[in-house]
Amino acid sequence: GANPSVNVFSGYVHRIWKGYGIDKVTIQDNGLYLVHFKSKEQQQSVLNNGHLIFDNKTMIMHEWNDDTEINKMDVKHIPLWIKLTKLDIKY
């Protein structure tokens, strides 16, 4: 899908992570966004809260460090949201 502008994505993370001390949001190539937090504790709280969905797409979040290689990230789990139409509400 289309990659949203940094302003759109920044507005989204500021809204859902309100109170987590976001310092700034930047964008890199290929849909990679970097969210800078004011403290390591706030960053870890966000990472520990699980997955994130933006524009009906699962986002993969990783802690960034100097050794991080974007193309070699080991992704073991990707949560999916599925719609089962016409399925009885009791299920």
C-alpha atoms as a PDB file:
ATOM      1  CA  GLY A   1       0.000   0.000   0.000  1.00  0.00           C
ATOM      2  CA  ALA A   2       0.869   3.650  -0.026  1.00  0.00           C
ATOM      3  CA  ASN A   3       3.255   4.979   2.587  1.00  0.00           C
ATOM      4  CA  PRO A   4       1.669   7.818   4.576  1.00  0.00           C
ATOM      5  CA  SER A   5       3.502  11.085   5.035  1.00  0.00           C
ATOM      6  CA  VAL A   6       5.514  11.582   8.198  1.00  0.00           C
ATOM      7  CA  ASN A   7       2.920  14.139   9.376  1.00  0.00           C
ATOM      8  CA  VAL A   8       0.072  11.629   9.070  1.00  0.00           C
ATOM      9  CA  PHE A   9       2.024   8.888  10.824  1.00  0.00           C
ATOM     10  CA  SER A  10       3.272  11.270  13.510  1.00  0.00           C
ATOM     11  CA  GLY A  11      -0.287  12.373  14.259  1.00  0.00           C
ATOM     12  CA  TYR A  12      -1.328   8.734  14.584  1.00  0.00           C
ATOM     13  CA  VAL A  13       1.414   7.690  17.023  1.00  0.00           C
ATOM     14  CA  HIS A  14       1.009  10.869  19.068  1.00  0.00           C
ATOM     15  CA  ARG A  15      -2.691  10.058  19.412  1.00  0.00           C
ATOM     16  CA  ILE A  16      -2.336   6.378  20.372  1.00  0.00           C
ATOM     17  CA  TRP A  17       0.807   6.784  22.486  1.00  0.00           C
ATOM     18  CA  LYS A  18      -0.282   9.967  24.206  1.00  0.00           C
ATOM     19  CA  GLY A  19       1.586  10.217  27.481  1.00  0.00           C
ATOM     20  CA  TYR A  20       4.518   8.042  26.370  1.00  0.00           C
ATOM     21  CA  GLY A  21       6.874  10.957  25.790  1.00  0.00           C
ATOM     22  CA  ILE A  22       7.344  10.960  22.033  1.00  0.00           C
ATOM     23  CA  ASP A  23      10.163  13.338  21.172  1.00  0.00           C
ATOM     24  CA  LYS A  24       9.943  13.236  17.369  1.00  0.00           C
ATOM     25  CA  VAL A  25       8.973  11.039  14.429  1.00  0.00           C
ATOM     26  CA  THR A  26      11.100  10.700  11.315  1.00  0.00           C
ATOM     27  CA  ILE A  27      10.795   8.708   8.101  1.00  0.00           C
ATOM     28  CA  GLN A  28      13.438   6.685   6.277  1.00  0.00           C
ATOM     29  CA  ASP A  29      13.252   4.744   3.008  1.00  0.00           C
ATOM     30  CA  ASN A  30      10.781   1.943   2.243  1.00  0.00           C
ATOM     31  CA  GLY A  31       8.120   2.828   4.793  1.00  0.00           C
ATOM     32  CA  LEU A  32      10.485   2.819   7.772  1.00  0.00           C
ATOM     33  CA  TYR A  33       9.468   5.277  10.457  1.00  0.00           C
ATOM     34  CA  LEU A  34      11.566   6.072  13.508  1.00  0.00           C
ATOM     35  CA  VAL A  35       9.809   7.164  16.681  1.00  0.00           C
ATOM     36  CA  HIS A  36      12.140   8.832  19.172  1.00  0.00           C
ATOM     37  CA  PHE A  37      11.086   8.744  22.827  1.00  0.00           C
ATOM     38  CA  LYS A  38      12.225  11.024  25.631  1.00  0.00           C
ATOM     39  CA  SER A  39      13.203   8.076  27.816  1.00  0.00           C
ATOM     40  CA  LYS A  40      14.173   4.430  27.461  1.00  0.00           C
ATOM     41  CA  GLU A  41      11.408   3.445  29.903  1.00  0.00           C
ATOM     42  CA  GLN A  42       8.721   5.041  27.757  1.00  0.00           C
ATOM     43  CA  GLN A  43      10.116   3.328  24.669  1.00  0.00           C
ATOM     44  CA  GLN A  44      10.101  -0.063  26.398  1.00  0.00           C
ATOM     45  CA  SER A  45       6.511   0.451  27.571  1.00  0.00           C
ATOM     46  CA  VAL A  46       5.390   0.943  23.977  1.00  0.00           C
ATOM     47  CA  LEU A  47       7.377  -2.061  22.722  1.00  0.00           C
ATOM     48  CA  ASN A  48       5.994  -4.269  25.503  1.00  0.00           C
ATOM     49  CA  ASN A  49       2.380  -3.362  24.696  1.00  0.00           C
ATOM     50  CA  GLY A  50       2.314  -5.586  21.616  1.00  0.00           C
ATOM     51  CA  HIS A  51       1.543  -5.005  17.975  1.00  0.00           C
ATOM     52  CA  LEU A  52       0.192  -1.957  16.225  1.00  0.00           C
ATOM     53  CA  ILE A  53      -2.183  -1.658  13.264  1.00  0.00           C
ATOM     54  CA  PHE A  54      -2.058   1.386  11.012  1.00  0.00           C
ATOM     55  CA  ASP A  55      -4.251   1.798   7.929  1.00  0.00           C
ATOM     56  CA  ASN A  56      -5.394  -1.846   8.268  1.00  0.00           C
ATOM     57  CA  LYS A  57      -1.783  -3.036   8.096  1.00  0.00           C
ATOM     58  CA  THR A  58       0.218  -4.677  10.871  1.00  0.00           C
ATOM     59  CA  MET A  59       3.282  -2.687  11.809  1.00  0.00           C
ATOM     60  CA  ILE A  60       6.424  -4.446  12.915  1.00  0.00           C
ATOM     61  CA  MET A  61       8.156  -2.627  15.759  1.00  0.00           C
ATOM     62  CA  HIS A  62      11.747  -3.142  16.818  1.00  0.00           C
ATOM     63  CA  GLU A  63      14.108  -1.351  19.123  1.00  0.00           C
ATOM     64  CA  TRP A  64      16.657   0.541  17.079  1.00  0.00           C
ATOM     65  CA  ASN A  65      20.364   0.419  17.861  1.00  0.00           C
ATOM     66  CA  ASP A  66      23.568   1.101  15.937  1.00  0.00           C
ATOM     67  CA  ASP A  67      23.826  -2.545  14.800  1.00  0.00           C
ATOM     68  CA  THR A  68      20.281  -2.834  13.398  1.00  0.00           C
ATOM     69  CA  GLU A  69      20.192  -3.970   9.777  1.00  0.00           C
ATOM     70  CA  ILE A  70      16.818  -3.232   8.221  1.00  0.00           C
ATOM     71  CA  ASN A  71      16.939  -5.942   5.558  1.00  0.00           C
ATOM     72  CA  LYS A  72      17.946  -8.697   7.978  1.00  0.00           C
ATOM     73  CA  MET A  73      15.369  -8.293  10.750  1.00  0.00           C
ATOM     74  CA  ASP A  74      14.166 -11.645  12.030  1.00  0.00           C
ATOM     75  CA  VAL A  75      10.363 -11.489  12.168  1.00  0.00           C
ATOM     76  CA  LYS A  76       8.896 -14.461  14.036  1.00  0.00           C
ATOM     77  CA  HIS A  77       5.283 -13.375  14.614  1.00  0.00           C
ATOM     78  CA  ILE A  78       2.899 -11.214  12.627  1.00  0.00           C
ATOM     79  CA  PRO A  79      -0.552 -10.716  14.139  1.00  0.00           C
ATOM     80  CA  LEU A  80      -3.430 -10.820  11.671  1.00  0.00           C
ATOM     81  CA  TRP A  81      -6.935  -9.440  11.916  1.00  0.00           C
ATOM     82  CA  ILE A  82      -9.483 -11.339   9.869  1.00  0.00           C
ATOM     83  CA  LYS A  83     -13.155 -10.701   9.199  1.00  0.00           C
ATOM     84  CA  LEU A  84     -15.506 -13.667   9.164  1.00  0.00           C
ATOM     85  CA  THR A  85     -18.645 -12.423   7.508  1.00  0.00           C
ATOM     86  CA  LYS A  86     -22.012 -14.025   8.210  1.00  0.00           C
ATOM     87  CA  LEU A  87     -20.632 -15.917  11.203  1.00  0.00           C
ATOM     88  CA  ASP A  88     -23.103 -16.198  14.089  1.00  0.00           C
ATOM     89  CA  ILE A  89     -22.315 -13.718  16.883  1.00  0.00           C
ATOM     90  CA  LYS A  90     -21.973 -16.541  19.462  1.00  0.00           C
ATOM     91  CA  TYR A  91     -18.753 -17.623  17.695  1.00  0.00           C
END
